[in-house]
C-alpha atoms as a PDB file:
ATOM      1  CA  VAL A   1       7.336  -7.351  14.952  1.00  0.00           C
ATOM      2  CA  LEU A   2       8.501  -3.992  12.725  1.00  0.00           C
ATOM      3  CA  LEU A   3       8.071  -5.501  10.089  1.00  0.00           C
ATOM      4  CA  TRP A   4       4.785  -7.759  10.801  1.00  0.00           C
ATOM      5  CA  LEU A   5       2.970  -4.551  10.993  1.00  0.00           C
ATOM      6  CA  ALA A   6       4.461  -3.417   8.100  1.00  0.00           C
ATOM      7  CA  TYR A   7       3.170  -5.892   6.358  1.00  0.00           C
ATOM      8  CA  PHE A   8       0.109  -6.629   8.016  1.00  0.00           C
ATOM      9  CA  PHE A   9      -0.534  -2.820   7.430  1.00  0.00           C
ATOM     10  CA  THR A  10       0.316  -2.020   4.166  1.00  0.00           C
ATOM     11  CA  LEU A  11      -1.319  -5.273   2.843  1.00  0.00           C
ATOM     12  CA  ILE A  12      -4.477  -3.431   4.400  1.00  0.00           C
ATOM     13  CA  VAL A  13      -4.184  -0.669   2.101  1.00  0.00           C
ATOM     14  CA  LEU A  14      -3.223  -2.281  -1.220  1.00  0.00           C
ATOM     15  CA  TYR A  15      -6.536  -5.375  -0.958  1.00  0.00           C
ATOM     16  CA  PHE A  16      -8.172  -2.356   0.443  1.00  0.00           C
ATOM     17  CA  LEU A  17      -7.962  -0.322  -2.899  1.00  0.00           C
ATOM     18  CA  GLN A  18      -7.778  -4.345  -5.022  1.00  0.00           C
ATOM     19  CA  ASN A  19     -10.927  -4.669  -4.024  1.00  0.00           C
ATOM     20  CA  TRP A  20     -13.015  -1.276  -3.459  1.00  0.00           C
ATOM     21  CA  LEU A  21     -11.449   1.111  -5.549  1.00  0.00           C
ATOM     22  CA  PRO A  22     -14.294   1.263  -8.740  1.00  0.00           C
ATOM     23  CA  THR A  23     -16.987   1.369  -5.714  1.00  0.00           C
ATOM     24  CA  VAL A  24     -14.910   4.426  -4.494  1.00  0.00           C
ATOM     25  CA  VAL A  25     -15.048   6.147  -7.777  1.00  0.00           C
ATOM     26  CA  ILE A  26     -18.433   5.232  -8.340  1.00  0.00           C
ATOM     27  CA  GLY A  27     -19.709   6.641  -5.673  1.00  0.00           C
ATOM     28  CA  ALA A  28     -17.441   9.080  -5.733  1.00  0.00           C
ATOM     29  CA  GLY A  29     -20.129  10.164  -8.828  1.00  0.00           C
ATOM     30  CA  PHE A  30     -18.544   9.142 -11.334  1.00  0.00           C
ATOM     31  CA  THR A  31     -19.789   6.112 -14.066  1.00  0.00           C
ATOM     32  CA  ARG A  32     -18.517   2.772 -14.289  1.00  0.00           C
ATOM     33  CA  GLU A  33     -16.061   3.186 -17.206  1.00  0.00           C
ATOM     34  CA  ALA A  34     -13.946   6.307 -14.811  1.00  0.00           C
ATOM     35  CA  ALA A  35     -13.971   3.288 -12.456  1.00  0.00           C
ATOM     36  CA  GLY A  36     -12.392   1.025 -15.127  1.00  0.00           C
ATOM     37  CA  THR A  37     -10.253   4.022 -16.104  1.00  0.00           C
ATOM     38  CA  VAL A  38      -8.721   4.386 -12.269  1.00  0.00           C
ATOM     39  CA  GLN A  39      -8.718   0.420 -12.146  1.00  0.00           C
ATOM     40  CA  ILE A  40      -6.249   0.151 -15.087  1.00  0.00           C
ATOM     41  CA  ALA A  41      -4.648   2.819 -14.026  1.00  0.00           C
ATOM     42  CA  PHE A  42      -3.995   1.869 -10.384  1.00  0.00           C
ATOM     43  CA  ASN A  43      -2.369  -1.698 -12.069  1.00  0.00           C
ATOM     44  CA  ILE A  44      -0.085  -0.067 -15.086  1.00  0.00           C
ATOM     45  CA  GLY A  45       1.328   1.863 -11.592  1.00  0.00           C
ATOM     46  CA  GLY A  46       1.613  -0.856  -9.562  1.00  0.00           C
ATOM     47  CA  ILE A  47       3.663  -2.843 -12.248  1.00  0.00           C
ATOM     48  CA  LEU A  48       5.611   1.175 -12.309  1.00  0.00           C
ATOM     49  CA  GLY A  49       6.078   0.972  -8.835  1.00  0.00           C
ATOM     50  CA  SER A  50       7.404  -3.067  -8.487  1.00  0.00           C
ATOM     51  CA  LEU A  51       9.779  -2.112 -11.268  1.00  0.00           C
ATOM     52  CA  GLY A  52      10.983   1.304  -9.298  1.00  0.00           C
ATOM     53  CA  THR A  53      11.288  -0.279  -5.649  1.00  0.00           C
ATOM     54  CA  GLY A  54      12.558  -3.401  -7.258  1.00  0.00           C
ATOM     55  CA  TYR A  55      16.039  -1.168  -8.757  1.00  0.00           C
ATOM     56  CA  VAL A  56      15.661   1.444  -5.545  1.00  0.00           C
ATOM     57  CA  MET A  57      16.258  -1.228  -3.579  1.00  0.00           C
ATOM     58  CA  ASP A  58      18.581  -3.284  -5.272  1.00  0.00           C
ATOM     59  CA  ARG A  59      20.872  -0.219  -6.488  1.00  0.00           C
ATOM     60  CA  GLY A  60      19.618   2.856  -4.326  1.00  0.00           C
ATOM     61  CA  PRO A  61      20.030   4.668  -0.741  1.00  0.00           C
ATOM     62  CA  ARG A  62      17.182   2.080   0.620  1.00  0.00           C
ATOM     63  CA  LYS A  63      15.730   4.301   3.767  1.00  0.00           C
ATOM     64  CA  LEU A  64      15.329   6.620   1.216  1.00  0.00           C
ATOM     65  CA  GLY A  65      12.909   4.194  -0.924  1.00  0.00           C
ATOM     66  CA  VAL A  66      10.968   2.701   2.066  1.00  0.00           C
ATOM     67  CA  GLY A  67      10.538   6.703   2.949  1.00  0.00           C
ATOM     68  CA  PHE A  68       9.285   7.942  -0.393  1.00  0.00           C
ATOM     69  CA  VAL A  69       6.765   4.451  -0.812  1.00  0.00           C
ATOM     70  CA  TYR A  70       4.745   5.204   2.193  1.00  0.00           C
ATOM     71  CA  VAL A  71       4.551   9.360   1.115  1.00  0.00           C
ATOM     72  CA  GLY A  72       3.404   8.880  -1.471  1.00  0.00           C
ATOM     73  CA  LEU A  73       1.033   6.046  -0.996  1.00  0.00           C
ATOM     74  CA  ILE A  74      -0.229   8.724   1.918  1.00  0.00           C
ATOM     75  CA  ALA A  75      -0.545  11.104  -1.003  1.00  0.00           C
ATOM     76  CA  SER A  76      -2.036   8.973  -3.189  1.00  0.00           C
ATOM     77  CA  MET A  77      -5.017   8.186  -0.698  1.00  0.00           C
ATOM     78  CA  VAL A  78      -5.291  11.766  -0.031  1.00  0.00           C
ATOM     79  CA  GLY A  79      -5.442  12.151  -3.932  1.00  0.00           C
ATOM     80  CA  LEU A  80      -8.247   9.293  -4.205  1.00  0.00           C
ATOM     81  CA  ALA A  81     -10.187  10.585  -1.118  1.00  0.00           C
ATOM     82  CA  TYR A  82     -10.143  14.654  -1.744  1.00  0.00           C
ATOM     83  CA  THR A  83     -10.091  14.622  -5.429  1.00  0.00           C
ATOM     84  CA  LYS A  84     -13.581  16.253  -7.342  1.00  0.00           C
ATOM     85  CA  SER A  85     -11.955  15.749 -10.886  1.00  0.00           C
ATOM     86  CA  PHE A  86     -11.278  12.742 -12.807  1.00  0.00           C
ATOM     87  CA  THR A  87      -7.584  13.452 -13.672  1.00  0.00           C
ATOM     88  CA  GLY A  88      -7.432  13.800  -9.609  1.00  0.00           C
ATOM     89  CA  LEU A  89      -8.832   9.909  -9.275  1.00  0.00           C
ATOM     90  CA  VAL A  90      -7.055   7.910 -12.584  1.00  0.00           C
ATOM     91  CA  LEU A  91      -3.549   9.870 -11.189  1.00  0.00           C
ATOM     92  CA  GLY A  92      -3.766   9.230  -6.829  1.00  0.00           C
ATOM     93  CA  GLY A  93      -5.155   5.518  -8.642  1.00  0.00           C
ATOM     94  CA  PHE A  94      -1.949   5.310 -10.444  1.00  0.00           C
ATOM     95  CA  GLY A  95       0.053   6.189  -7.257  1.00  0.00           C
ATOM     96  CA  GLY A  96      -1.427   3.928  -5.230  1.00  0.00           C
ATOM     97  CA  GLY A  97      -1.086   1.464  -7.011  1.00  0.00           C
ATOM     98  CA  MET A  98       2.114   2.253  -7.672  1.00  0.00           C
ATOM     99  CA  PHE A  99       3.579   2.571  -4.179  1.00  0.00           C
ATOM    100  CA  SER A 100       0.311   0.095  -2.512  1.00  0.00           C
ATOM    101  CA  ILE A 101       1.993  -2.844  -4.594  1.00  0.00           C
ATOM    102  CA  GLY A 102       5.565  -0.880  -4.298  1.00  0.00           C
ATOM    103  CA  GLY A 103       5.290  -0.824  -1.076  1.00  0.00           C
ATOM    104  CA  GLN A 104       4.754  -4.550  -0.807  1.00  0.00           C
ATOM    105  CA  MET A 105       7.953  -5.707  -3.380  1.00  0.00           C
ATOM    106  CA  VAL A 106       9.341  -3.471  -0.995  1.00  0.00           C
ATOM    107  CA  LEU A 107       8.747  -5.130   2.185  1.00  0.00           C
ATOM    108  CA  TYR A 108       9.459  -9.046  -0.128  1.00  0.00           C
ATOM    109  CA  GLY A 109      13.092  -7.245  -0.795  1.00  0.00           C
ATOM    110  CA  LEU A 110      13.259  -6.120   2.841  1.00  0.00           C
ATOM    111  CA  ALA A 111      12.184  -9.211   5.166  1.00  0.00           C
ATOM    112  CA  PRO A 112      15.123 -11.941   4.150  1.00  0.00           C
ATOM    113  CA  ILE A 113      17.529  -9.718   5.943  1.00  0.00           C
ATOM    114  CA  PHE A 114      15.907  -9.444   9.148  1.00  0.00           C
ATOM    115  CA  TYR A 115      16.140 -13.791   9.706  1.00  0.00           C
ATOM    116  CA  HIS A 116      19.328 -15.743   9.953  1.00  0.00           C
ATOM    117  CA  THR A 117      19.494 -18.307   6.910  1.00  0.00           C
ATOM    118  CA  LEU A 118      19.041 -20.702   8.614  1.00  0.00           C
ATOM    119  CA  ILE A 119      15.832 -19.278   9.902  1.00  0.00           C
ATOM    120  CA  ARG A 120      15.107 -17.117   6.696  1.00  0.00           C
ATOM    121  CA  GLY A 121      12.080 -19.237   5.049  1.00  0.00           C
ATOM    122  CA  THR A 122       9.680 -19.126   8.504  1.00  0.00           C
ATOM    123  CA  GLY A 123      10.277 -16.118   9.395  1.00  0.00           C
ATOM    124  CA  VAL A 124       9.314 -14.812   5.657  1.00  0.00           C
ATOM    125  CA  GLY A 125       6.948 -17.009   5.507  1.00  0.00           C
ATOM    126  CA  ALA A 126       5.813 -15.847   8.582  1.00  0.00           C
ATOM    127  CA  ALA A 127       5.909 -11.845   7.431  1.00  0.00           C
ATOM    128  CA  VAL A 128       3.942 -13.071   4.993  1.00  0.00           C
ATOM    129  CA  ALA A 129       1.595 -14.765   6.823  1.00  0.00           C
ATOM    130  CA  VAL A 130       0.078 -11.929   9.170  1.00  0.00           C
ATOM    131  CA  GLY A 131       0.378  -9.549   5.976  1.00  0.00           C
ATOM    132  CA  ARG A 132      -2.274 -11.974   4.606  1.00  0.00           C
ATOM    133  CA  LEU A 133      -4.236 -11.425   7.793  1.00  0.00           C
ATOM    134  CA  GLY A 134      -3.942  -7.047   6.516  1.00  0.00           C
ATOM    135  CA  SER A 135      -5.119  -8.295   3.466  1.00  0.00           C
ATOM    136  CA  VAL A 136      -8.465  -9.453   4.933  1.00  0.00           C
ATOM    137  CA  VAL A 137      -9.183  -7.203   7.170  1.00  0.00           C
ATOM    138  CA  GLY A 138      -9.068  -4.163   4.761  1.00  0.00           C
ATOM    139  CA  PRO A 139     -11.372  -5.318   1.954  1.00  0.00           C
ATOM    140  CA  LEU A 140     -13.342  -6.185   5.272  1.00  0.00           C
ATOM    141  CA  ALA A 141     -13.078  -2.867   6.937  1.00  0.00           C
ATOM    142  CA  ALA A 142     -13.777  -0.835   4.336  1.00  0.00           C
ATOM    143  CA  GLY A 143     -16.899  -3.232   3.899  1.00  0.00           C
ATOM    144  CA  GLN A 144     -18.302  -2.249   6.797  1.00  0.00           C
ATOM    145  CA  LEU A 145     -17.781   1.495   6.830  1.00  0.00           C
ATOM    146  CA  LEU A 146     -19.261   1.611   3.395  1.00  0.00           C
ATOM    147  CA  SER A 147     -22.612   0.048   4.749  1.00  0.00           C
ATOM    148  CA  ALA A 148     -22.406   2.209   7.717  1.00  0.00           C
ATOM    149  CA  GLY A 149     -22.597   5.045   5.913  1.00  0.00           C
ATOM    150  CA  SER A 150     -19.526   6.445   6.104  1.00  0.00           C
ATOM    151  CA  GLY A 151     -18.386   7.955   2.246  1.00  0.00           C
ATOM    152  CA  THR A 152     -15.815   6.956   0.132  1.00  0.00           C
ATOM    153  CA  THR A 153     -13.427   9.601   1.796  1.00  0.00           C
ATOM    154  CA  ALA A 154     -14.122   8.912   5.339  1.00  0.00           C
ATOM    155  CA  VAL A 155     -13.193   4.739   4.634  1.00  0.00           C
ATOM    156  CA  ILE A 156     -10.287   6.660   2.243  1.00  0.00           C
ATOM    157  CA  ALA A 157      -8.859   8.124   5.358  1.00  0.00           C
ATOM    158  CA  ALA A 158      -9.339   5.220   7.670  1.00  0.00           C
ATOM    159  CA  THR A 159      -6.217   3.676   5.815  1.00  0.00           C
ATOM    160  CA  PHE A 160      -4.346   7.108   6.825  1.00  0.00           C
ATOM    161  CA  PRO A 161      -3.269   5.916  10.383  1.00  0.00           C
ATOM    162  CA  GLY A 162      -2.098   2.261   8.738  1.00  0.00           C
ATOM    163  CA  ILE A 163       0.112   3.633   6.395  1.00  0.00           C
ATOM    164  CA  VAL A 164       1.372   5.601   9.083  1.00  0.00           C
ATOM    165  CA  VAL A 165       1.890   2.186  11.199  1.00  0.00           C
ATOM    166  CA  ALA A 166       3.972   0.812   8.529  1.00  0.00           C
ATOM    167  CA  ALA A 167       6.200   3.382   7.378  1.00  0.00           C
ATOM    168  CA  ILE A 168       7.481   3.678  11.041  1.00  0.00           C
ATOM    169  CA  ALA A 169       8.123   0.111  11.092  1.00  0.00           C
ATOM    170  CA  ALA A 170       9.949  -0.421   7.678  1.00  0.00           C
ATOM    171  CA  GLN A 171      11.718   2.796   8.833  1.00  0.00           C
ATOM    172  CA  ALA A 172      12.650   0.866  12.174  1.00  0.00           C
ATOM    173  CA  LEU A 173      14.019  -1.762  10.859  1.00  0.00           C
ATOM    174  CA  LEU A 174      15.774   0.216   8.921  1.00  0.00           C
ATOM    175  CA  PHE A 175      17.528   2.695  11.230  1.00  0.00           C
ATOM    176  CA  GLY A 176      20.229   0.392  13.083  1.00  0.00           C
ATOM    177  CA  GLN A 177      20.513  -1.728   9.798  1.00  0.00           C
ATOM    178  CA  ARG A 178      24.561  -0.905   8.774  1.00  0.00           C
ATOM    179  CA  ALA A 179      23.806  -2.168   4.825  1.00  0.00           C
ATOM    180  CA  ARG A 180      22.627   1.413   2.483  1.00  0.00           C
END
């Protein structure tokens, strides 16, 4: 259940950003070109985040890697929500990609160690399926909040509790884990 919670809430944030980041940037008063730049930074951050978290999960302390991802994700979302500068938005977009996509890669790395070999494929598949529900909920919830008149800051801030739940769930999984 903890793994499923982590997948669900991490994918809420990831797909929210993938689908609504340009709207958030434009809603903050920036141009379409600026929104495109922030989206590119998001994707570059995602590439680097995937590589970095993969390295940490293979060779580093997993608990530290998981903690770093979710603290970084909160910091990036705060940056996106409250910055008024273009540079801040680019950095927030970069961090959002790095830590949301990187966080998802962390979960893909963790999932197999929590299922017995005989049911590993089914268990990981079920965790991914629950996560995919989050990938639907995130963009829908953001769209509903924006259409109800919530500002972009409020929509981004609405992701904070889910990030905290995902972080706690992922860390709780590793709490009793012997391996790194």
